[in-house]
Structure formats: C-alpha cells, structure tokens
All heavy atoms as atom14 arrays in JSON, in Angstrom:
{
  "sequence": "GHPQAKTPNIDRLAKQGILFSNAHCQGPICGPSRCSFLSGKYPFTTG",
  "atom14_mask": [
    [1, 1, 1, 1, 0, 0, 0, 0, 0, 0, 0, 0, 0, 0],
    [1, 1, 1, 1, 1, 1, 1, 1, 1, 1, 0, 0, 0, 0],
    [1, 1, 1, 1, 1, 1, 1, 0, 0, 0, 0, 0, 0, 0],
    [1, 1, 1, 1, 1, 1, 1, 1, 1, 0, 0, 0, 0, 0],
    [1, 1, 1, 1, 1, 0, 0, 0, 0, 0, 0, 0, 0, 0],
    [1, 1, 1, 1, 1, 1, 1, 1, 1, 0, 0, 0, 0, 0],
    [1, 1, 1, 1, 1, 1, 1, 0, 0, 0, 0, 0, 0, 0],
    [1, 1, 1, 1, 1, 1, 1, 0, 0, 0, 0, 0, 0, 0],
    [1, 1, 1, 1, 1, 1, 1, 1, 0, 0, 0, 0, 0, 0],
    [1, 1, 1, 1, 1, 1, 1, 1, 0, 0, 0, 0, 0, 0],
    [1, 1, 1, 1, 1, 1, 1, 1, 0, 0, 0, 0, 0, 0],
    [1, 1, 1, 1, 1, 1, 1, 1, 1, 1, 1, 0, 0, 0],
    [1, 1, 1, 1, 1, 1, 1, 1, 0, 0, 0, 0, 0, 0],
    [1, 1, 1, 1, 1, 0, 0, 0, 0, 0, 0, 0, 0, 0],
    [1, 1, 1, 1, 1, 1, 1, 1, 1, 0, 0, 0, 0, 0],
    [1, 1, 1, 1, 1, 1, 1, 1, 1, 0, 0, 0, 0, 0],
    [1, 1, 1, 1, 0, 0, 0, 0, 0, 0, 0, 0, 0, 0],
    [1, 1, 1, 1, 1, 1, 1, 1, 0, 0, 0, 0, 0, 0],
    [1, 1, 1, 1, 1, 1, 1, 1, 0, 0, 0, 0, 0, 0],
    [1, 1, 1, 1, 1, 1, 1, 1, 1, 1, 1, 0, 0, 0],
    [1, 1, 1, 1, 1, 1, 0, 0, 0, 0, 0, 0, 0, 0],
    [1, 1, 1, 1, 1, 1, 1, 1, 0, 0, 0, 0, 0, 0],
    [1, 1, 1, 1, 1, 0, 0, 0, 0, 0, 0, 0, 0, 0],
    [1, 1, 1, 1, 1, 1, 1, 1, 1, 1, 0, 0, 0, 0],
    [1, 1, 1, 1, 1, 1, 0, 0, 0, 0, 0, 0, 0, 0],
    [1, 1, 1, 1, 1, 1, 1, 1, 1, 0, 0, 0, 0, 0],
    [1, 1, 1, 1, 0, 0, 0, 0, 0, 0, 0, 0, 0, 0],
    [1, 1, 1, 1, 1, 1, 1, 0, 0, 0, 0, 0, 0, 0],
    [1, 1, 1, 1, 1, 1, 1, 1, 0, 0, 0, 0, 0, 0],
    [1, 1, 1, 1, 1, 1, 0, 0, 0, 0, 0, 0, 0, 0],
    [1, 1, 1, 1, 0, 0, 0, 0, 0, 0, 0, 0, 0, 0],
    [1, 1, 1, 1, 1, 1, 1, 0, 0, 0, 0, 0, 0, 0],
    [1, 1, 1, 1, 1, 1, 0, 0, 0, 0, 0, 0, 0, 0],
    [1, 1, 1, 1, 1, 1, 1, 1, 1, 1, 1, 0, 0, 0],
    [1, 1, 1, 1, 1, 1, 0, 0, 0, 0, 0, 0, 0, 0],
    [1, 1, 1, 1, 1, 1, 0, 0, 0, 0, 0, 0, 0, 0],
    [1, 1, 1, 1, 1, 1, 1, 1, 1, 1, 1, 0, 0, 0],
    [1, 1, 1, 1, 1, 1, 1, 1, 0, 0, 0, 0, 0, 0],
    [1, 1, 1, 1, 1, 1, 0, 0, 0, 0, 0, 0, 0, 0],
    [1, 1, 1, 1, 0, 0, 0, 0, 0, 0, 0, 0, 0, 0],
    [1, 1, 1, 1, 1, 1, 1, 1, 1, 0, 0, 0, 0, 0],
    [1, 1, 1, 1, 1, 1, 1, 1, 1, 1, 1, 1, 0, 0],
    [1, 1, 1, 1, 1, 1, 1, 0, 0, 0, 0, 0, 0, 0],
    [1, 1, 1, 1, 1, 1, 1, 1, 1, 1, 1, 0, 0, 0],
    [1, 1, 1, 1, 1, 1, 1, 0, 0, 0, 0, 0, 0, 0],
    [1, 1, 1, 1, 1, 1, 1, 0, 0, 0, 0, 0, 0, 0],
    [1, 1, 1, 1, 0, 0, 0, 0, 0, 0, 0, 0, 0, 0]
  ],
  "atom14_positions": [
    [[-106.02, 49.72, -42.07], [-106.51, 49.07, -43.29], [-107.36, 47.84, -43.02], [-108.2, 47.49, -43.85], [0.0, 0.0, 0.0], [0.0, 0.0, 0.0], [0.0, 0.0, 0.0], [0.0, 0.0, 0.0], [0.0, 0.0, 0.0], [0.0, 0.0, 0.0], [0.0, 0.0, 0.0], [0.0, 0.0, 0.0], [0.0, 0.0, 0.0], [0.0, 0.0, 0.0]],
    [[-107.13, 47.18, -41.89], [-107.95, 46.02, -41.51], [-108.06, 46.02, -39.99], [-107.05, 46.12, -39.29], [-107.34, 44.72, -42.01], [-108.27, 43.55, -41.93], [-108.62, 42.95, -40.72], [-108.94, 42.86, -42.9], [-109.46, 41.96, -40.96], [-109.67, 41.89, -42.27], [0.0, 0.0, 0.0], [0.0, 0.0, 0.0], [0.0, 0.0, 0.0], [0.0, 0.0, 0.0]],
    [[-109.28, 45.88, -39.46], [-109.46, 46.01, -38.0], [-108.78, 44.9, -37.19], [-108.59, 45.06, -35.98], [-110.98, 45.95, -37.84], [-111.48, 45.23, -39.06], [-110.55, 45.64, -40.16], [0.0, 0.0, 0.0], [0.0, 0.0, 0.0], [0.0, 0.0, 0.0], [0.0, 0.0, 0.0], [0.0, 0.0, 0.0], [0.0, 0.0, 0.0], [0.0, 0.0, 0.0]],
    [[-108.42, 43.8, -37.83], [-107.81, 42.69, -37.09], [-106.3, 42.61, -37.26], [-105.67, 41.7, -36.73], [-108.45, 41.37, -37.55], [-109.92, 41.25, -37.18], [-110.57, 40.01, -37.77], [-110.49, 39.78, -38.98], [-111.21, 39.21, -36.93], [0.0, 0.0, 0.0], [0.0, 0.0, 0.0], [0.0, 0.0, 0.0], [0.0, 0.0, 0.0], [0.0, 0.0, 0.0]],
    [[-105.71, 43.57, -37.95], [-104.26, 43.56, -38.15], [-103.54, 43.67, -36.81], [-103.93, 44.45, -35.93], [-103.85, 44.71, -39.07], [0.0, 0.0, 0.0], [0.0, 0.0, 0.0], [0.0, 0.0, 0.0], [0.0, 0.0, 0.0], [0.0, 0.0, 0.0], [0.0, 0.0, 0.0], [0.0, 0.0, 0.0], [0.0, 0.0, 0.0], [0.0, 0.0, 0.0]],
    [[-102.46, 42.89, -36.67], [-101.65, 42.9, -35.45], [-100.21, 43.22, -35.82], [-99.44, 42.35, -36.2], [-101.76, 41.57, -34.73], [-103.16, 41.24, -34.23], [-103.23, 39.89, -33.53], [-104.66, 39.6, -33.06], [-104.76, 38.28, -32.38], [0.0, 0.0, 0.0], [0.0, 0.0, 0.0], [0.0, 0.0, 0.0], [0.0, 0.0, 0.0], [0.0, 0.0, 0.0]],
    [[-99.88, 44.51, -35.72], [-98.54, 44.97, -36.11], [-97.99, 45.93, -35.06], [-97.73, 47.1, -35.35], [-98.59, 45.66, -37.48], [-99.59, 46.71, -37.43], [-98.97, 44.68, -38.58], [0.0, 0.0, 0.0], [0.0, 0.0, 0.0], [0.0, 0.0, 0.0], [0.0, 0.0, 0.0], [0.0, 0.0, 0.0], [0.0, 0.0, 0.0], [0.0, 0.0, 0.0]],
    [[-97.8, 45.48, -33.83], [-97.38, 46.4, -32.76], [-96.03, 47.05, -33.0], [-95.81, 48.2, -32.59], [-97.35, 45.49, -31.52], [-97.18, 44.11, -32.06], [-97.94, 44.09, -33.35], [0.0, 0.0, 0.0], [0.0, 0.0, 0.0], [0.0, 0.0, 0.0], [0.0, 0.0, 0.0], [0.0, 0.0, 0.0], [0.0, 0.0, 0.0], [0.0, 0.0, 0.0]],
    [[-95.11, 46.35, -33.65], [-93.77, 46.91, -33.84], [-93.75, 48.01, -34.9], [-93.12, 49.05, -34.73], [-92.8, 45.79, -34.21], [-92.69, 44.77, -33.11], [-92.17, 45.05, -32.03], [-93.19, 43.56, -33.36], [0.0, 0.0, 0.0], [0.0, 0.0, 0.0], [0.0, 0.0, 0.0], [0.0, 0.0, 0.0], [0.0, 0.0, 0.0], [0.0, 0.0, 0.0]],
    [[-94.46, 47.77, -36.01], [-94.56, 48.81, -37.04], [-95.32, 50.02, -36.49], [-94.94, 51.17, -36.73], [-95.25, 48.25, -38.3], [-94.43, 47.11, -38.89], [-95.46, 49.35, -39.33], [-95.11, 46.36, -40.03], [0.0, 0.0, 0.0], [0.0, 0.0, 0.0], [0.0, 0.0, 0.0], [0.0, 0.0, 0.0], [0.0, 0.0, 0.0], [0.0, 0.0, 0.0]],
    [[-96.37, 49.77, -35.72], [-97.15, 50.86, -35.15], [-96.3, 51.68, -34.17], [-96.39, 52.92, -34.14], [-98.38, 50.31, -34.41], [-99.3, 49.53, -35.33], [-99.2, 49.7, -36.56], [-100.1, 48.74, -34.82], [0.0, 0.0, 0.0], [0.0, 0.0, 0.0], [0.0, 0.0, 0.0], [0.0, 0.0, 0.0], [0.0, 0.0, 0.0], [0.0, 0.0, 0.0]],
    [[-95.47, 51.01, -33.4], [-94.59, 51.71, -32.46], [-93.58, 52.57, -33.21], [-93.27, 53.69, -32.8], [-93.88, 50.7, -31.56], [-93.09, 51.32, -30.41], [-92.44, 50.24, -29.56], [-93.41, 49.25, -29.11], [-93.41, 47.97, -29.48], [-92.48, 47.53, -30.32], [-94.33, 47.13, -29.03], [0.0, 0.0, 0.0], [0.0, 0.0, 0.0], [0.0, 0.0, 0.0]],
    [[-93.08, 52.03, -34.33], [-92.14, 52.79, -35.14], [-92.79, 54.06, -35.68], [-92.15, 55.13, -35.73], [-91.64, 51.91, -36.29], [-90.52, 52.5, -37.16], [-89.23, 52.62, -36.37], [-90.3, 51.65, -38.41], [0.0, 0.0, 0.0], [0.0, 0.0, 0.0], [0.0, 0.0, 0.0], [0.0, 0.0, 0.0], [0.0, 0.0, 0.0], [0.0, 0.0, 0.0]],
    [[-94.06, 53.96, -36.08], [-94.77, 55.13, -36.6], [-94.88, 56.22, -35.54], [-94.78, 57.42, -35.85], [-96.16, 54.73, -37.09], [0.0, 0.0, 0.0], [0.0, 0.0, 0.0], [0.0, 0.0, 0.0], [0.0, 0.0, 0.0], [0.0, 0.0, 0.0], [0.0, 0.0, 0.0], [0.0, 0.0, 0.0], [0.0, 0.0, 0.0], [0.0, 0.0, 0.0]],
    [[-95.05, 55.84, -34.3], [-95.15, 56.82, -33.21], [-93.8, 57.47, -32.92], [-93.74, 58.6, -32.42], [-95.69, 56.15, -31.96], [-97.15, 55.71, -32.08], [-97.63, 55.05, -30.8], [-99.1, 54.6, -30.93], [-99.59, 53.92, -29.7], [0.0, 0.0, 0.0], [0.0, 0.0, 0.0], [0.0, 0.0, 0.0], [0.0, 0.0, 0.0], [0.0, 0.0, 0.0]],
    [[-92.73, 56.76, -33.24], [-91.4, 57.31, -32.99], [-90.95, 58.26, -34.09], [-90.05, 59.06, -33.88], [-90.4, 56.16, -32.86], [-90.64, 55.27, -31.65], [-89.79, 54.01, -31.69], [-89.1, 53.73, -32.68], [-89.84, 53.23, -30.61], [0.0, 0.0, 0.0], [0.0, 0.0, 0.0], [0.0, 0.0, 0.0], [0.0, 0.0, 0.0], [0.0, 0.0, 0.0]],
    [[-91.57, 58.13, -35.26], [-91.16, 58.96, -36.39], [-92.33, 59.67, -37.02], [-93.23, 60.16, -36.34], [0.0, 0.0, 0.0], [0.0, 0.0, 0.0], [0.0, 0.0, 0.0], [0.0, 0.0, 0.0], [0.0, 0.0, 0.0], [0.0, 0.0, 0.0], [0.0, 0.0, 0.0], [0.0, 0.0, 0.0], [0.0, 0.0, 0.0], [0.0, 0.0, 0.0]],
    [[-92.32, 59.73, -38.35], [-93.38, 60.41, -39.1], [-94.01, 59.39, -40.05], [-93.31, 58.73, -40.83], [-92.82, 61.61, -39.9], [-92.32, 62.69, -38.94], [-93.9, 62.18, -40.81], [-90.87, 62.56, -38.56], [0.0, 0.0, 0.0], [0.0, 0.0, 0.0], [0.0, 0.0, 0.0], [0.0, 0.0, 0.0], [0.0, 0.0, 0.0], [0.0, 0.0, 0.0]],
    [[-95.32, 59.26, -39.96], [-96.08, 58.33, -40.8], [-96.66, 59.09, -41.99], [-97.39, 60.07, -41.83], [-97.22, 57.7, -40.0], [-98.24, 56.88, -40.78], [-97.6, 55.61, -41.35], [-99.44, 56.52, -39.89], [0.0, 0.0, 0.0], [0.0, 0.0, 0.0], [0.0, 0.0, 0.0], [0.0, 0.0, 0.0], [0.0, 0.0, 0.0], [0.0, 0.0, 0.0]],
    [[-96.34, 58.63, -43.19], [-96.89, 59.22, -44.41], [-98.06, 58.34, -44.85], [-97.87, 57.29, -45.48], [-95.81, 59.31, -45.49], [-94.71, 60.27, -45.14], [-93.61, 59.84, -44.41], [-94.78, 61.6, -45.5], [-92.59, 60.71, -44.06], [-93.78, 62.49, -45.16], [-92.66, 62.05, -44.44], [0.0, 0.0, 0.0], [0.0, 0.0, 0.0], [0.0, 0.0, 0.0]],
    [[-99.25, 58.76, -44.51], [-100.43, 57.91, -44.7], [-101.03, 58.01, -46.1], [-101.98, 57.29, -46.41], [-101.5, 58.27, -43.66], [-101.89, 59.62, -43.79], [0.0, 0.0, 0.0], [0.0, 0.0, 0.0], [0.0, 0.0, 0.0], [0.0, 0.0, 0.0], [0.0, 0.0, 0.0], [0.0, 0.0, 0.0], [0.0, 0.0, 0.0], [0.0, 0.0, 0.0]],
    [[-100.49, 58.87, -46.94], [-100.95, 58.99, -48.32], [-99.76, 58.8, -49.25], [-99.54, 59.57, -50.17], [-101.62, 60.34, -48.55], [-102.42, 60.4, -49.85], [-102.65, 59.39, -50.5], [-102.84, 61.6, -50.22], [0.0, 0.0, 0.0], [0.0, 0.0, 0.0], [0.0, 0.0, 0.0], [0.0, 0.0, 0.0], [0.0, 0.0, 0.0], [0.0, 0.0, 0.0]],
    [[-98.98, 57.74, -48.97], [-97.79, 57.43, -49.76], [-98.12, 56.38, -50.81], [-98.9, 55.45, -50.55], [-96.66, 56.95, -48.86], [0.0, 0.0, 0.0], [0.0, 0.0, 0.0], [0.0, 0.0, 0.0], [0.0, 0.0, 0.0], [0.0, 0.0, 0.0], [0.0, 0.0, 0.0], [0.0, 0.0, 0.0], [0.0, 0.0, 0.0], [0.0, 0.0, 0.0]],
    [[-97.49, 56.5, -51.98], [-97.81, 55.61, -53.09], [-96.56, 55.22, -53.86], [-95.6, 55.99, -53.96], [-98.82, 56.29, -54.03], [-100.11, 56.6, -53.35], [-101.19, 55.76, -53.37], [-100.47, 57.68, -52.58], [-102.17, 56.29, -52.64], [-101.76, 57.45, -52.16], [0.0, 0.0, 0.0], [0.0, 0.0, 0.0], [0.0, 0.0, 0.0], [0.0, 0.0, 0.0]],
    [[-96.59, 53.99, -54.39], [-95.49, 53.5, -55.2], [-95.57, 54.13, -56.59], [-96.6, 54.66, -57.0], [-95.53, 51.99, -55.3], [-96.98, 51.35, -56.18], [0.0, 0.0, 0.0], [0.0, 0.0, 0.0], [0.0, 0.0, 0.0], [0.0, 0.0, 0.0], [0.0, 0.0, 0.0], [0.0, 0.0, 0.0], [0.0, 0.0, 0.0], [0.0, 0.0, 0.0]],
    [[-94.47, 54.03, -57.34], [-94.47, 54.56, -58.71], [-94.69, 53.47, -59.75], [-94.89, 53.76, -60.93], [-93.16, 55.3, -58.96], [-93.17, 56.74, -58.48], [-93.62, 56.9, -57.04], [-92.89, 56.6, -56.11], [-94.85, 57.38, -56.84], [0.0, 0.0, 0.0], [0.0, 0.0, 0.0], [0.0, 0.0, 0.0], [0.0, 0.0, 0.0], [0.0, 0.0, 0.0]],
    [[-94.64, 52.22, -59.31], [-94.96, 51.09, -60.18], [-95.6, 50.01, -59.32], [-95.02, 49.61, -58.32], [0.0, 0.0, 0.0], [0.0, 0.0, 0.0], [0.0, 0.0, 0.0], [0.0, 0.0, 0.0], [0.0, 0.0, 0.0], [0.0, 0.0, 0.0], [0.0, 0.0, 0.0], [0.0, 0.0, 0.0], [0.0, 0.0, 0.0], [0.0, 0.0, 0.0]],
    [[-96.79, 49.51, -59.68], [-97.53, 48.62, -58.78], [-97.16, 47.14, -58.88], [-97.97, 46.27, -58.64], [-98.99, 48.84, -59.21], [-98.89, 49.13, -60.67], [-97.6, 49.88, -60.85], [0.0, 0.0, 0.0], [0.0, 0.0, 0.0], [0.0, 0.0, 0.0], [0.0, 0.0, 0.0], [0.0, 0.0, 0.0], [0.0, 0.0, 0.0], [0.0, 0.0, 0.0]],
    [[-95.92, 46.86, -59.27], [-95.34, 45.53, -59.16], [-93.88, 45.7, -58.74], [-93.3, 46.79, -58.87], [-95.46, 44.7, -60.46], [-94.94, 45.48, -61.66], [-96.88, 44.25, -60.69], [-94.98, 44.68, -62.96], [0.0, 0.0, 0.0], [0.0, 0.0, 0.0], [0.0, 0.0, 0.0], [0.0, 0.0, 0.0], [0.0, 0.0, 0.0], [0.0, 0.0, 0.0]],
    [[-93.28, 44.6, -58.29], [-91.99, 44.69, -57.58], [-90.89, 45.38, -58.38], [-90.26, 46.33, -57.91], [-91.52, 43.29, -57.19], [-92.65, 42.39, -56.11], [0.0, 0.0, 0.0], [0.0, 0.0, 0.0], [0.0, 0.0, 0.0], [0.0, 0.0, 0.0], [0.0, 0.0, 0.0], [0.0, 0.0, 0.0], [0.0, 0.0, 0.0], [0.0, 0.0, 0.0]],
    [[-90.61, 44.88, -59.59], [-89.48, 45.37, -60.34], [-89.52, 46.86, -60.65], [-88.59, 47.6, -60.31], [0.0, 0.0, 0.0], [0.0, 0.0, 0.0], [0.0, 0.0, 0.0], [0.0, 0.0, 0.0], [0.0, 0.0, 0.0], [0.0, 0.0, 0.0], [0.0, 0.0, 0.0], [0.0, 0.0, 0.0], [0.0, 0.0, 0.0], [0.0, 0.0, 0.0]],
    [[-90.58, 47.35, -61.3], [-90.65, 48.78, -61.6], [-90.62, 49.66, -60.36], [-90.01, 50.74, -60.37], [-91.99, 48.91, -62.34], [-92.21, 47.57, -62.94], [-91.67, 46.59, -61.95], [0.0, 0.0, 0.0], [0.0, 0.0, 0.0], [0.0, 0.0, 0.0], [0.0, 0.0, 0.0], [0.0, 0.0, 0.0], [0.0, 0.0, 0.0], [0.0, 0.0, 0.0]],
    [[-91.26, 49.21, -59.28], [-91.26, 50.01, -58.06], [-89.86, 50.13, -57.48], [-89.39, 51.24, -57.16], [-92.2, 49.39, -57.02], [-92.13, 50.1, -55.8], [0.0, 0.0, 0.0], [0.0, 0.0, 0.0], [0.0, 0.0, 0.0], [0.0, 0.0, 0.0], [0.0, 0.0, 0.0], [0.0, 0.0, 0.0], [0.0, 0.0, 0.0], [0.0, 0.0, 0.0]],
    [[-89.17, 49.02, -57.34], [-87.83, 49.05, -56.75], [-86.83, 49.77, -57.66], [-85.97, 50.5, -57.17], [-87.38, 47.63, -56.43], [-88.18, 47.01, -55.28], [-87.93, 45.52, -55.12], [-88.88, 44.94, -54.18], [-88.59, 44.59, -52.93], [-87.35, 44.75, -52.46], [-89.5, 44.08, -52.14], [0.0, 0.0, 0.0], [0.0, 0.0, 0.0], [0.0, 0.0, 0.0]],
    [[-86.95, 49.57, -58.96], [-86.09, 50.31, -59.88], [-86.31, 51.81, -59.74], [-85.36, 52.59, -59.83], [-86.37, 49.87, -61.32], [-85.68, 48.26, -61.75], [0.0, 0.0, 0.0], [0.0, 0.0, 0.0], [0.0, 0.0, 0.0], [0.0, 0.0, 0.0], [0.0, 0.0, 0.0], [0.0, 0.0, 0.0], [0.0, 0.0, 0.0], [0.0, 0.0, 0.0]],
    [[-87.53, 52.2, -59.47], [-87.85, 53.61, -59.37], [-87.31, 54.23, -58.08], [-86.53, 55.2, -58.11], [-89.37, 53.81, -59.44], [-89.71, 55.17, -59.25], [0.0, 0.0, 0.0], [0.0, 0.0, 0.0], [0.0, 0.0, 0.0], [0.0, 0.0, 0.0], [0.0, 0.0, 0.0], [0.0, 0.0, 0.0], [0.0, 0.0, 0.0], [0.0, 0.0, 0.0]],
    [[-87.68, 53.68, -56.92], [-87.26, 54.37, -55.7], [-85.77, 54.18, -55.39], [-85.15, 55.03, -54.74], [-88.13, 54.01, -54.5], [-87.96, 52.65, -53.89], [-86.87, 52.34, -53.1], [-88.94, 51.67, -54.07], [-86.74, 51.09, -52.52], [-88.81, 50.42, -53.48], [-87.7, 50.13, -52.71], [0.0, 0.0, 0.0], [0.0, 0.0, 0.0], [0.0, 0.0, 0.0]],
    [[-85.17, 53.1, -55.89], [-83.74, 52.92, -55.67], [-82.89, 53.78, -56.6], [-81.75, 54.13, -56.27], [-83.35, 51.46, -55.82], [-83.81, 50.53, -54.69], [-83.56, 49.07, -55.06], [-83.13, 50.87, -53.37], [0.0, 0.0, 0.0], [0.0, 0.0, 0.0], [0.0, 0.0, 0.0], [0.0, 0.0, 0.0], [0.0, 0.0, 0.0], [0.0, 0.0, 0.0]],
    [[-83.43, 54.13, -57.77], [-82.69, 54.97, -58.72], [-83.08, 56.43, -58.63], [-82.37, 57.3, -59.16], [-82.91, 54.48, -60.15], [-84.24, 54.75, -60.58], [0.0, 0.0, 0.0], [0.0, 0.0, 0.0], [0.0, 0.0, 0.0], [0.0, 0.0, 0.0], [0.0, 0.0, 0.0], [0.0, 0.0, 0.0], [0.0, 0.0, 0.0], [0.0, 0.0, 0.0]],
    [[-84.23, 56.72, -58.02], [-84.71, 58.09, -57.95], [-85.36, 58.56, -59.23], [-85.51, 59.77, -59.45], [0.0, 0.0, 0.0], [0.0, 0.0, 0.0], [0.0, 0.0, 0.0], [0.0, 0.0, 0.0], [0.0, 0.0, 0.0], [0.0, 0.0, 0.0], [0.0, 0.0, 0.0], [0.0, 0.0, 0.0], [0.0, 0.0, 0.0], [0.0, 0.0, 0.0]],
    [[-85.77, 57.62, -60.09], [-86.35, 57.96, -61.39], [-87.73, 57.33, -61.55], [-87.97, 56.21, -61.11], [-85.45, 57.44, -62.51], [-84.1, 58.13, -62.61], [-84.26, 59.53, -63.15], [-82.93, 60.16, -63.45], [-83.08, 61.53, -63.99], [0.0, 0.0, 0.0], [0.0, 0.0, 0.0], [0.0, 0.0, 0.0], [0.0, 0.0, 0.0], [0.0, 0.0, 0.0]],
    [[-88.62, 58.05, -62.21], [-89.95, 57.51, -62.52], [-89.86, 56.46, -63.62], [-88.98, 56.52, -64.49], [-90.87, 58.63, -62.99], [-91.48, 59.46, -61.9], [-90.95, 60.7, -61.55], [-92.61, 59.02, -61.2], [-91.51, 61.47, -60.54], [-93.18, 59.77, -60.19], [-92.63, 61.01, -59.87], [-93.18, 61.76, -58.87], [0.0, 0.0, 0.0], [0.0, 0.0, 0.0]],
    [[-90.79, 55.5, -63.64], [-90.81, 54.51, -64.72], [-90.94, 55.14, -66.11], [-90.37, 54.64, -67.07], [-92.04, 53.66, -64.38], [-92.16, 53.75, -62.89], [-91.76, 55.16, -62.57], [0.0, 0.0, 0.0], [0.0, 0.0, 0.0], [0.0, 0.0, 0.0], [0.0, 0.0, 0.0], [0.0, 0.0, 0.0], [0.0, 0.0, 0.0], [0.0, 0.0, 0.0]],
    [[-91.7, 56.26, -66.21], [-91.87, 56.86, -67.53], [-90.61, 57.6, -67.98], [-90.52, 58.03, -69.12], [-93.1, 57.78, -67.57], [-93.11, 58.86, -66.53], [-92.35, 60.01, -66.65], [-93.92, 58.74, -65.41], [-92.39, 61.0, -65.69], [-93.97, 59.72, -64.43], [-93.2, 60.86, -64.57], [0.0, 0.0, 0.0], [0.0, 0.0, 0.0], [0.0, 0.0, 0.0]],
    [[-89.62, 57.72, -67.1], [-88.32, 58.26, -67.49], [-87.38, 57.16, -67.95], [-86.69, 57.29, -68.96], [-87.68, 59.03, -66.32], [-88.5, 60.15, -65.97], [-86.29, 59.53, -66.69], [0.0, 0.0, 0.0], [0.0, 0.0, 0.0], [0.0, 0.0, 0.0], [0.0, 0.0, 0.0], [0.0, 0.0, 0.0], [0.0, 0.0, 0.0], [0.0, 0.0, 0.0]],
    [[-87.37, 56.05, -67.2], [-86.42, 54.97, -67.5], [-86.97, 53.95, -68.49], [-86.2, 53.25, -69.14], [-86.05, 54.22, -66.21], [-87.21, 53.55, -65.68], [-85.5, 55.18, -65.17], [0.0, 0.0, 0.0], [0.0, 0.0, 0.0], [0.0, 0.0, 0.0], [0.0, 0.0, 0.0], [0.0, 0.0, 0.0], [0.0, 0.0, 0.0], [0.0, 0.0, 0.0]],
    [[-88.29, 53.82, -68.57], [-88.89, 52.8, -69.41], [-89.05, 51.45, -68.74], [-89.47, 50.49, -69.38], [0.0, 0.0, 0.0], [0.0, 0.0, 0.0], [0.0, 0.0, 0.0], [0.0, 0.0, 0.0], [0.0, 0.0, 0.0], [0.0, 0.0, 0.0], [0.0, 0.0, 0.0], [0.0, 0.0, 0.0], [0.0, 0.0, 0.0], [0.0, 0.0, 0.0]]
  ]
}
C-alpha cells in the first residue's frame, strides 16, 4: 500500500499463513465493524 512501509513482522506472518488481499470490513468505523465481525452479523441485520 505504501512503498516506504516497514512491517517485517506482519509480512513474515503473511508468509507463514494465508494473506487475504481483497478483504473488507462491514462497517468503515470502529464500532459497527467490531460489532459485526465479533457477532457474525452484518450491520444491516443488527442496525
């Protein structure tokens, strides 16, 4: 995402597992996003 990023530990983790490079949140601010992935429900289901 940026040519000057320095994230050797996250990059190493990606090589050890599977990187989902087209992953997206279900709500683009903290509360709705965390409520969604922690509950397993979309925002348009829970409100």
